[in-house]
Amino acid sequence: MLQRIQGRRRTRVILVLATLWALSWLMTGLSGLFPGSLSAATLVIFGSAVFALGETLLQPTIPAITNDLSPDHLRGRYNAVMAGAFQVAAITGPVLAGVMLGARFNVEFIALLILGCAVMAVIALAVERRIPDQANGITAPGAGAAELSPA
């Protein structure tokens, strides 16, 4: 995946990620229309596969932007804040899901997840206008060639 996204704007890769995740949640949500059927199982399996594909785009983008924007002496703190944000989401997400699904807000739950993906896309576009090209994964032509050649 790294080779496929190299030289592309990381924020645009995040847009693809958000689209894939929204599609994944839509597929998962649609599976509820066919309970106990092969169609439901197929939608869940393919929805999971689409989500996993999106997941492969996450690690080479958001952490890389964070590291490229952080000054050397604060990089550990920037990464700690980012890790903390992921942990808060990992804790609160299941609680929110449990409450919503327990109250039978199934459609609203899927809609909330898709809305979250849309918000992620909007934020990516806003960030794209504010960060330097280097932090967005764009380098000048030939700029990395000398660094990659063996000494």
N, C-alpha and C. Protein backbone atom coordinates (compact mmCIF):
# COMPACT_ATOMS: atom_id res chain seq x y z
N MET A 1 0.82 -1.20 0.00
CA MET A 1 0.00 0.00 0.00
C MET A 1 0.87 1.26 0.00
N LEU A 2 1.98 1.20 0.71
CA LEU A 2 2.87 2.36 0.76
C LEU A 2 3.33 2.79 -0.63
N GLN A 3 3.63 1.80 -1.47
CA GLN A 3 4.07 2.13 -2.82
C GLN A 3 2.96 2.78 -3.63
N ARG A 4 1.74 2.34 -3.43
CA ARG A 4 0.60 2.90 -4.17
C ARG A 4 0.28 4.34 -3.78
N ILE A 5 0.52 4.69 -2.53
CA ILE A 5 0.16 6.04 -2.09
C ILE A 5 1.34 7.00 -2.08
N GLN A 6 2.54 6.49 -2.31
CA GLN A 6 3.73 7.34 -2.29
C GLN A 6 3.59 8.44 -3.34
N GLY A 7 3.87 9.67 -2.92
CA GLY A 7 3.80 10.81 -3.82
C GLY A 7 2.40 11.41 -3.95
N ARG A 8 1.42 10.78 -3.31
CA ARG A 8 0.05 11.31 -3.34
C ARG A 8 -0.19 12.10 -2.05
N ARG A 9 -1.08 13.04 -2.13
CA ARG A 9 -1.42 13.83 -0.95
C ARG A 9 -2.03 12.91 0.12
N ARG A 10 -1.46 12.95 1.29
CA ARG A 10 -1.98 12.12 2.39
C ARG A 10 -3.42 12.48 2.71
N THR A 11 -3.76 13.75 2.59
CA THR A 11 -5.13 14.16 2.88
C THR A 11 -6.11 13.56 1.87
N ARG A 12 -5.68 13.37 0.64
CA ARG A 12 -6.54 12.74 -0.36
C ARG A 12 -6.68 11.25 -0.08
N VAL A 13 -5.62 10.65 0.43
CA VAL A 13 -5.69 9.25 0.83
C VAL A 13 -6.67 9.10 1.99
N ILE A 14 -6.70 10.09 2.89
CA ILE A 14 -7.66 10.06 4.00
C ILE A 14 -9.08 10.16 3.45
N LEU A 15 -9.28 10.92 2.38
CA LEU A 15 -10.61 10.98 1.75
C LEU A 15 -11.03 9.60 1.24
N VAL A 16 -10.09 8.89 0.63
CA VAL A 16 -10.40 7.53 0.16
C VAL A 16 -10.71 6.63 1.35
N LEU A 17 -9.92 6.77 2.41
CA LEU A 17 -10.14 6.01 3.63
C LEU A 17 -11.54 6.26 4.18
N ALA A 18 -11.94 7.53 4.27
CA ALA A 18 -13.27 7.87 4.79
C ALA A 18 -14.37 7.30 3.90
N THR A 19 -14.16 7.33 2.60
CA THR A 19 -15.14 6.78 1.67
C THR A 19 -15.27 5.27 1.83
N LEU A 20 -14.13 4.60 1.95
CA LEU A 20 -14.15 3.15 2.13
C LEU A 20 -14.85 2.77 3.43
N TRP A 21 -14.55 3.49 4.50
CA TRP A 21 -15.17 3.18 5.78
C TRP A 21 -16.68 3.46 5.74
N ALA A 22 -17.08 4.54 5.10
CA ALA A 22 -18.51 4.83 4.99
C ALA A 22 -19.21 3.72 4.20
N LEU A 23 -18.60 3.28 3.12
CA LEU A 23 -19.16 2.19 2.33
C LEU A 23 -19.23 0.91 3.16
N SER A 24 -18.20 0.66 3.94
CA SER A 24 -18.18 -0.52 4.80
C SER A 24 -19.33 -0.50 5.79
N TRP A 25 -19.54 0.65 6.43
CA TRP A 25 -20.63 0.75 7.41
C TRP A 25 -21.99 0.65 6.73
N LEU A 26 -22.10 1.19 5.54
CA LEU A 26 -23.36 1.07 4.80
C LEU A 26 -23.66 -0.40 4.48
N MET A 27 -22.64 -1.12 4.03
CA MET A 27 -22.82 -2.55 3.73
C MET A 27 -23.21 -3.32 4.99
N THR A 28 -22.54 -3.01 6.08
CA THR A 28 -22.84 -3.69 7.34
C THR A 28 -24.26 -3.38 7.78
N GLY A 29 -24.65 -2.12 7.66
CA GLY A 29 -26.00 -1.74 8.03
C GLY A 29 -27.06 -2.39 7.16
N LEU A 30 -26.79 -2.48 5.87
CA LEU A 30 -27.74 -3.12 4.96
C LEU A 30 -27.92 -4.61 5.25
N SER A 31 -26.92 -5.21 5.87
CA SER A 31 -27.03 -6.64 6.19
C SER A 31 -28.20 -6.90 7.13
N GLY A 32 -28.58 -5.90 7.91
CA GLY A 32 -29.71 -6.04 8.83
C GLY A 32 -31.05 -6.20 8.12
N LEU A 33 -31.09 -5.87 6.84
CA LEU A 33 -32.33 -6.04 6.08
C LEU A 33 -32.58 -7.49 5.70
N PHE A 34 -31.55 -8.32 5.84
CA PHE A 34 -31.65 -9.72 5.44
C PHE A 34 -31.19 -10.64 6.57
N PRO A 35 -31.81 -10.57 7.74
CA PRO A 35 -31.30 -11.33 8.89
C PRO A 35 -31.27 -12.84 8.63
N GLY A 36 -30.15 -13.43 9.06
CA GLY A 36 -29.99 -14.88 8.96
C GLY A 36 -29.84 -15.42 7.56
N SER A 37 -29.53 -14.57 6.59
CA SER A 37 -29.43 -15.03 5.20
C SER A 37 -27.99 -15.00 4.70
N LEU A 38 -27.80 -15.63 3.57
CA LEU A 38 -26.50 -15.61 2.90
C LEU A 38 -26.18 -14.17 2.47
N SER A 39 -27.19 -13.42 2.09
CA SER A 39 -26.98 -12.02 1.69
C SER A 39 -26.41 -11.21 2.86
N ALA A 40 -26.97 -11.42 4.04
CA ALA A 40 -26.49 -10.70 5.22
C ALA A 40 -25.03 -11.07 5.51
N ALA A 41 -24.74 -12.35 5.47
CA ALA A 41 -23.37 -12.80 5.73
C ALA A 41 -22.41 -12.23 4.69
N THR A 42 -22.84 -12.22 3.43
CA THR A 42 -21.99 -11.69 2.36
C THR A 42 -21.73 -10.20 2.56
N LEU A 43 -22.77 -9.45 2.92
CA LEU A 43 -22.60 -8.02 3.16
C LEU A 43 -21.66 -7.75 4.33
N VAL A 44 -21.77 -8.53 5.40
CA VAL A 44 -20.89 -8.35 6.55
C VAL A 44 -19.45 -8.69 6.18
N ILE A 45 -19.26 -9.79 5.45
CA ILE A 45 -17.90 -10.19 5.07
C ILE A 45 -17.27 -9.16 4.15
N PHE A 46 -18.00 -8.74 3.12
CA PHE A 46 -17.43 -7.75 2.20
C PHE A 46 -17.30 -6.39 2.87
N GLY A 47 -18.23 -6.05 3.75
CA GLY A 47 -18.10 -4.81 4.51
C GLY A 47 -16.84 -4.81 5.37
N SER A 48 -16.54 -5.94 5.98
CA SER A 48 -15.32 -6.07 6.79
C SER A 48 -14.07 -5.96 5.92
N ALA A 49 -14.13 -6.54 4.74
CA ALA A 49 -12.99 -6.47 3.82
C ALA A 49 -12.74 -5.03 3.36
N VAL A 50 -13.82 -4.33 3.05
CA VAL A 50 -13.69 -2.92 2.64
C VAL A 50 -13.14 -2.09 3.79
N PHE A 51 -13.61 -2.35 5.01
CA PHE A 51 -13.09 -1.64 6.18
C PHE A 51 -11.59 -1.91 6.34
N ALA A 52 -11.19 -3.17 6.19
CA ALA A 52 -9.78 -3.54 6.33
C ALA A 52 -8.92 -2.84 5.28
N LEU A 53 -9.44 -2.72 4.07
CA LEU A 53 -8.70 -2.00 3.03
C LEU A 53 -8.51 -0.54 3.45
N GLY A 54 -9.55 0.07 3.98
CA GLY A 54 -9.43 1.43 4.48
C GLY A 54 -8.43 1.53 5.62
N GLU A 55 -8.42 0.52 6.47
CA GLU A 55 -7.49 0.50 7.61
C GLU A 55 -6.04 0.53 7.13
N THR A 56 -5.75 -0.09 5.99
CA THR A 56 -4.38 -0.07 5.47
C THR A 56 -3.95 1.33 5.05
N LEU A 57 -4.91 2.22 4.88
CA LEU A 57 -4.59 3.60 4.51
C LEU A 57 -4.41 4.50 5.74
N LEU A 58 -4.84 4.04 6.88
CA LEU A 58 -4.79 4.87 8.09
C LEU A 58 -3.36 5.09 8.57
N GLN A 59 -2.62 4.03 8.80
CA GLN A 59 -1.30 4.16 9.41
C GLN A 59 -0.29 4.94 8.56
N PRO A 60 -0.30 4.84 7.24
CA PRO A 60 0.67 5.64 6.50
C PRO A 60 0.26 7.11 6.30
N THR A 61 -0.87 7.52 6.86
CA THR A 61 -1.32 8.89 6.63
C THR A 61 -1.34 9.72 7.91
N ILE A 62 -2.26 9.45 8.80
CA ILE A 62 -2.46 10.31 9.96
C ILE A 62 -1.22 10.35 10.88
N PRO A 63 -0.63 9.21 11.26
CA PRO A 63 0.59 9.30 12.07
C PRO A 63 1.74 9.99 11.33
N ALA A 64 1.82 9.78 10.02
CA ALA A 64 2.90 10.41 9.26
C ALA A 64 2.73 11.93 9.23
N ILE A 65 1.50 12.40 9.06
CA ILE A 65 1.25 13.85 9.10
C ILE A 65 1.63 14.39 10.48
N THR A 66 1.22 13.69 11.52
CA THR A 66 1.54 14.12 12.89
C THR A 66 3.04 14.23 13.08
N ASN A 67 3.78 13.23 12.66
CA ASN A 67 5.23 13.23 12.84
C ASN A 67 5.91 14.29 11.99
N ASP A 68 5.41 14.52 10.78
CA ASP A 68 6.02 15.54 9.93
C ASP A 68 5.75 16.95 10.42
N LEU A 69 4.65 17.16 11.12
CA LEU A 69 4.31 18.48 11.62
C LEU A 69 4.93 18.77 12.99
N SER A 70 5.30 17.74 13.72
CA SER A 70 5.81 17.96 15.08
C SER A 70 7.29 18.32 15.07
N PRO A 71 7.66 19.29 15.91
CA PRO A 71 9.09 19.59 16.05
C PRO A 71 9.79 18.42 16.74
N ASP A 72 11.05 18.23 16.43
CA ASP A 72 11.79 17.08 16.96
C ASP A 72 11.68 16.95 18.48
N HIS A 73 11.79 18.05 19.19
CA HIS A 73 11.81 17.99 20.66
C HIS A 73 10.42 17.72 21.27
N LEU A 74 9.37 17.79 20.46
CA LEU A 74 8.01 17.53 20.97
C LEU A 74 7.35 16.33 20.30
N ARG A 75 8.07 15.64 19.44
CA ARG A 75 7.47 14.54 18.67
C ARG A 75 6.85 13.47 19.57
N GLY A 76 7.51 13.13 20.64
CA GLY A 76 6.96 12.13 21.55
C GLY A 76 5.64 12.57 22.16
N ARG A 77 5.55 13.85 22.50
CA ARG A 77 4.31 14.37 23.07
C ARG A 77 3.19 14.39 22.04
N TYR A 78 3.51 14.78 20.82
CA TYR A 78 2.50 14.78 19.75
C TYR A 78 1.96 13.36 19.55
N ASN A 79 2.87 12.40 19.53
CA ASN A 79 2.45 11.01 19.33
C ASN A 79 1.66 10.48 20.53
N ALA A 80 2.02 10.94 21.73
CA ALA A 80 1.28 10.53 22.93
C ALA A 80 -0.15 11.08 22.89
N VAL A 81 -0.31 12.33 22.45
CA VAL A 81 -1.66 12.91 22.34
C VAL A 81 -2.47 12.14 21.31
N MET A 82 -1.84 11.81 20.18
CA MET A 82 -2.55 11.06 19.14
C MET A 82 -2.93 9.67 19.67
N ALA A 83 -2.02 9.00 20.35
CA ALA A 83 -2.32 7.68 20.91
C ALA A 83 -3.43 7.79 21.95
N GLY A 84 -3.40 8.85 22.74
CA GLY A 84 -4.46 9.07 23.72
C GLY A 84 -5.82 9.25 23.07
N ALA A 85 -5.85 9.98 21.97
CA ALA A 85 -7.11 10.18 21.24
C ALA A 85 -7.64 8.84 20.72
N PHE A 86 -6.76 8.00 20.20
CA PHE A 86 -7.18 6.68 19.73
C PHE A 86 -7.70 5.84 20.89
N GLN A 87 -7.06 5.95 22.05
CA GLN A 87 -7.51 5.18 23.22
C GLN A 87 -8.87 5.64 23.72
N VAL A 88 -9.09 6.96 23.72
CA VAL A 88 -10.40 7.48 24.13
C VAL A 88 -11.48 6.94 23.19
N ALA A 89 -11.18 6.93 21.91
CA ALA A 89 -12.15 6.39 20.94
C ALA A 89 -12.36 4.90 21.15
N ALA A 90 -11.29 4.17 21.46
CA ALA A 90 -11.41 2.72 21.67
C ALA A 90 -12.21 2.39 22.92
N ILE A 91 -12.25 3.31 23.87
CA ILE A 91 -13.01 3.08 25.10
C ILE A 91 -14.45 3.56 24.95
N THR A 92 -14.62 4.76 24.42
CA THR A 92 -15.97 5.32 24.33
C THR A 92 -16.79 4.74 23.19
N GLY A 93 -16.14 4.32 22.11
CA GLY A 93 -16.86 3.77 20.96
C GLY A 93 -17.74 2.58 21.31
N PRO A 94 -17.19 1.55 21.94
CA PRO A 94 -18.01 0.40 22.32
C PRO A 94 -19.13 0.75 23.30
N VAL A 95 -18.87 1.70 24.20
CA VAL A 95 -19.91 2.10 25.14
C VAL A 95 -21.07 2.75 24.38
N LEU A 96 -20.75 3.68 23.50
CA LEU A 96 -21.77 4.35 22.69
C LEU A 96 -22.52 3.33 21.83
N ALA A 97 -21.77 2.41 21.21
CA ALA A 97 -22.40 1.38 20.38
C ALA A 97 -23.34 0.53 21.21
N GLY A 98 -22.91 0.14 22.39
CA GLY A 98 -23.75 -0.69 23.25
C GLY A 98 -25.04 0.00 23.64
N VAL A 99 -24.94 1.28 23.99
CA VAL A 99 -26.12 2.04 24.38
C VAL A 99 -27.07 2.18 23.19
N MET A 100 -26.52 2.58 22.04
CA MET A 100 -27.37 2.81 20.86
C MET A 100 -28.01 1.52 20.36
N LEU A 101 -27.20 0.47 20.25
CA LEU A 101 -27.75 -0.79 19.74
C LEU A 101 -28.67 -1.44 20.76
N GLY A 102 -28.36 -1.27 22.04
CA GLY A 102 -29.24 -1.80 23.08
C GLY A 102 -30.60 -1.13 23.08
N ALA A 103 -30.62 0.14 22.69
CA ALA A 103 -31.88 0.89 22.61
C ALA A 103 -32.54 0.72 21.24
N ARG A 104 -31.97 -0.16 20.43
CA ARG A 104 -32.47 -0.45 19.08
C ARG A 104 -32.42 0.76 18.14
N PHE A 105 -31.40 1.59 18.34
CA PHE A 105 -31.14 2.69 17.41
C PHE A 105 -30.17 2.21 16.32
N ASN A 106 -30.54 1.12 15.67
CA ASN A 106 -29.65 0.49 14.68
C ASN A 106 -29.37 1.40 13.49
N VAL A 107 -30.43 1.95 12.91
CA VAL A 107 -30.26 2.81 11.74
C VAL A 107 -29.51 4.08 12.13
N GLU A 108 -29.85 4.63 13.28
CA GLU A 108 -29.18 5.84 13.75
C GLU A 108 -27.69 5.59 14.03
N PHE A 109 -27.40 4.38 14.52
CA PHE A 109 -26.00 4.02 14.79
C PHE A 109 -25.19 4.00 13.50
N ILE A 110 -25.72 3.34 12.48
CA ILE A 110 -25.02 3.28 11.19
C ILE A 110 -24.91 4.68 10.59
N ALA A 111 -25.98 5.46 10.71
CA ALA A 111 -25.96 6.83 10.20
C ALA A 111 -24.89 7.66 10.91
N LEU A 112 -24.75 7.47 12.22
CA LEU A 112 -23.74 8.19 12.99
C LEU A 112 -22.33 7.81 12.52
N LEU A 113 -22.11 6.55 12.25
CA LEU A 113 -20.80 6.10 11.76
C LEU A 113 -20.49 6.71 10.39
N ILE A 114 -21.48 6.72 9.52
CA ILE A 114 -21.28 7.30 8.18
C ILE A 114 -21.07 8.81 8.30
N LEU A 115 -21.82 9.46 9.19
CA LEU A 115 -21.61 10.89 9.42
C LEU A 115 -20.20 11.15 9.93
N GLY A 116 -19.71 10.29 10.81
CA GLY A 116 -18.34 10.43 11.30
C GLY A 116 -17.32 10.34 10.17
N CYS A 117 -17.56 9.47 9.22
CA CYS A 117 -16.67 9.36 8.05
C CYS A 117 -16.73 10.63 7.21
N ALA A 118 -17.92 11.20 7.07
CA ALA A 118 -18.06 12.45 6.33
C ALA A 118 -17.33 13.60 7.03
N VAL A 119 -17.42 13.64 8.35
CA VAL A 119 -16.71 14.67 9.12
C VAL A 119 -15.20 14.50 8.94
N MET A 120 -14.73 13.26 8.94
CA MET A 120 -13.31 13.00 8.73
C MET A 120 -12.87 13.53 7.36
N ALA A 121 -13.70 13.35 6.34
CA ALA A 121 -13.38 13.84 5.00
C ALA A 121 -13.31 15.36 4.97
N VAL A 122 -14.25 16.01 5.61
CA VAL A 122 -14.26 17.48 5.66
C VAL A 122 -13.02 18.00 6.39
N ILE A 123 -12.67 17.36 7.48
CA ILE A 123 -11.47 17.77 8.23
C ILE A 123 -10.22 17.57 7.37
N ALA A 124 -10.15 16.47 6.64
CA ALA A 124 -9.00 16.22 5.77
C ALA A 124 -8.85 17.33 4.73
N LEU A 125 -9.96 17.76 4.16
CA LEU A 125 -9.90 18.84 3.17
C LEU A 125 -9.48 20.16 3.82
N ALA A 126 -9.95 20.41 5.04
CA ALA A 126 -9.55 21.64 5.74
C ALA A 126 -8.06 21.60 6.08
N VAL A 127 -7.59 20.44 6.52
CA VAL A 127 -6.17 20.30 6.86
C VAL A 127 -5.30 20.45 5.61
N GLU A 128 -5.78 19.94 4.49
CA GLU A 128 -4.98 20.01 3.25
C GLU A 128 -4.59 21.43 2.89
N ARG A 129 -5.46 22.38 3.15
CA ARG A 129 -5.17 23.78 2.81
C ARG A 129 -4.21 24.43 3.79
N ARG A 130 -3.97 23.79 4.92
CA ARG A 130 -3.20 24.44 5.98
C ARG A 130 -1.81 23.84 6.22
N ILE A 131 -1.55 22.64 5.73
CA ILE A 131 -0.26 22.02 6.02
C ILE A 131 0.67 22.12 4.82
N PRO A 132 1.96 22.12 5.08
CA PRO A 132 2.92 22.17 3.96
C PRO A 132 2.87 20.89 3.12
N ASP A 133 3.25 21.02 1.87
CA ASP A 133 3.23 19.87 0.96
C ASP A 133 4.04 18.70 1.50
N GLN A 134 5.18 18.97 2.12
CA GLN A 134 6.03 17.90 2.64
C GLN A 134 5.28 17.08 3.68
N ALA A 135 4.54 17.73 4.58
CA ALA A 135 3.78 17.01 5.60
C ALA A 135 2.60 16.26 4.98
N ASN A 136 2.19 16.71 3.80
CA ASN A 136 1.08 16.07 3.11
C ASN A 136 1.56 14.97 2.16
N GLY A 137 2.84 14.64 2.22
CA GLY A 137 3.36 13.53 1.43
C GLY A 137 3.82 13.91 0.04
N ILE A 138 3.84 15.20 -0.26
CA ILE A 138 4.27 15.67 -1.58
C ILE A 138 5.66 16.27 -1.43
N THR A 139 6.58 15.78 -2.19
CA THR A 139 7.93 16.32 -2.17
C THR A 139 8.29 16.84 -3.54
N ALA A 140 9.30 17.66 -3.61
CA ALA A 140 9.75 18.18 -4.90
C ALA A 140 10.24 17.02 -5.75
N PRO A 141 10.10 17.12 -7.09
CA PRO A 141 10.57 16.03 -7.97
C PRO A 141 12.03 15.72 -7.72
N GLY A 142 12.32 14.43 -7.52
CA GLY A 142 13.68 13.96 -7.29
C GLY A 142 14.17 14.20 -5.87
N ALA A 143 13.32 14.74 -5.01
CA ALA A 143 13.76 15.11 -3.66
C ALA A 143 14.11 13.92 -2.79
N GLY A 144 13.68 12.77 -2.96
CA GLY A 144 14.01 11.68 -2.08
C GLY A 144 15.00 10.71 -2.68
N ALA A 145 15.40 10.90 -3.90
CA ALA A 145 16.24 9.94 -4.61
C ALA A 145 17.60 9.77 -3.93
N ALA A 146 18.25 10.87 -3.53
CA ALA A 146 19.57 10.77 -2.92
C ALA A 146 19.50 10.08 -1.56
N GLU A 147 18.40 10.30 -0.86
CA GLU A 147 18.26 9.69 0.46
C GLU A 147 18.09 8.18 0.38
N LEU A 148 17.53 7.69 -0.70
CA LEU A 148 17.24 6.26 -0.81
C LEU A 148 18.39 5.47 -1.42
N SER A 149 19.32 6.12 -2.09
CA SER A 149 20.40 5.37 -2.73
C SER A 149 21.43 4.97 -1.68
N PRO A 150 21.99 3.76 -1.83
CA PRO A 150 23.00 3.30 -0.85
C PRO A 150 24.27 4.14 -0.92
N ALA A 151 24.93 4.31 0.20
CA ALA A 151 26.14 5.14 0.25
C ALA A 151 27.34 4.39 -0.22
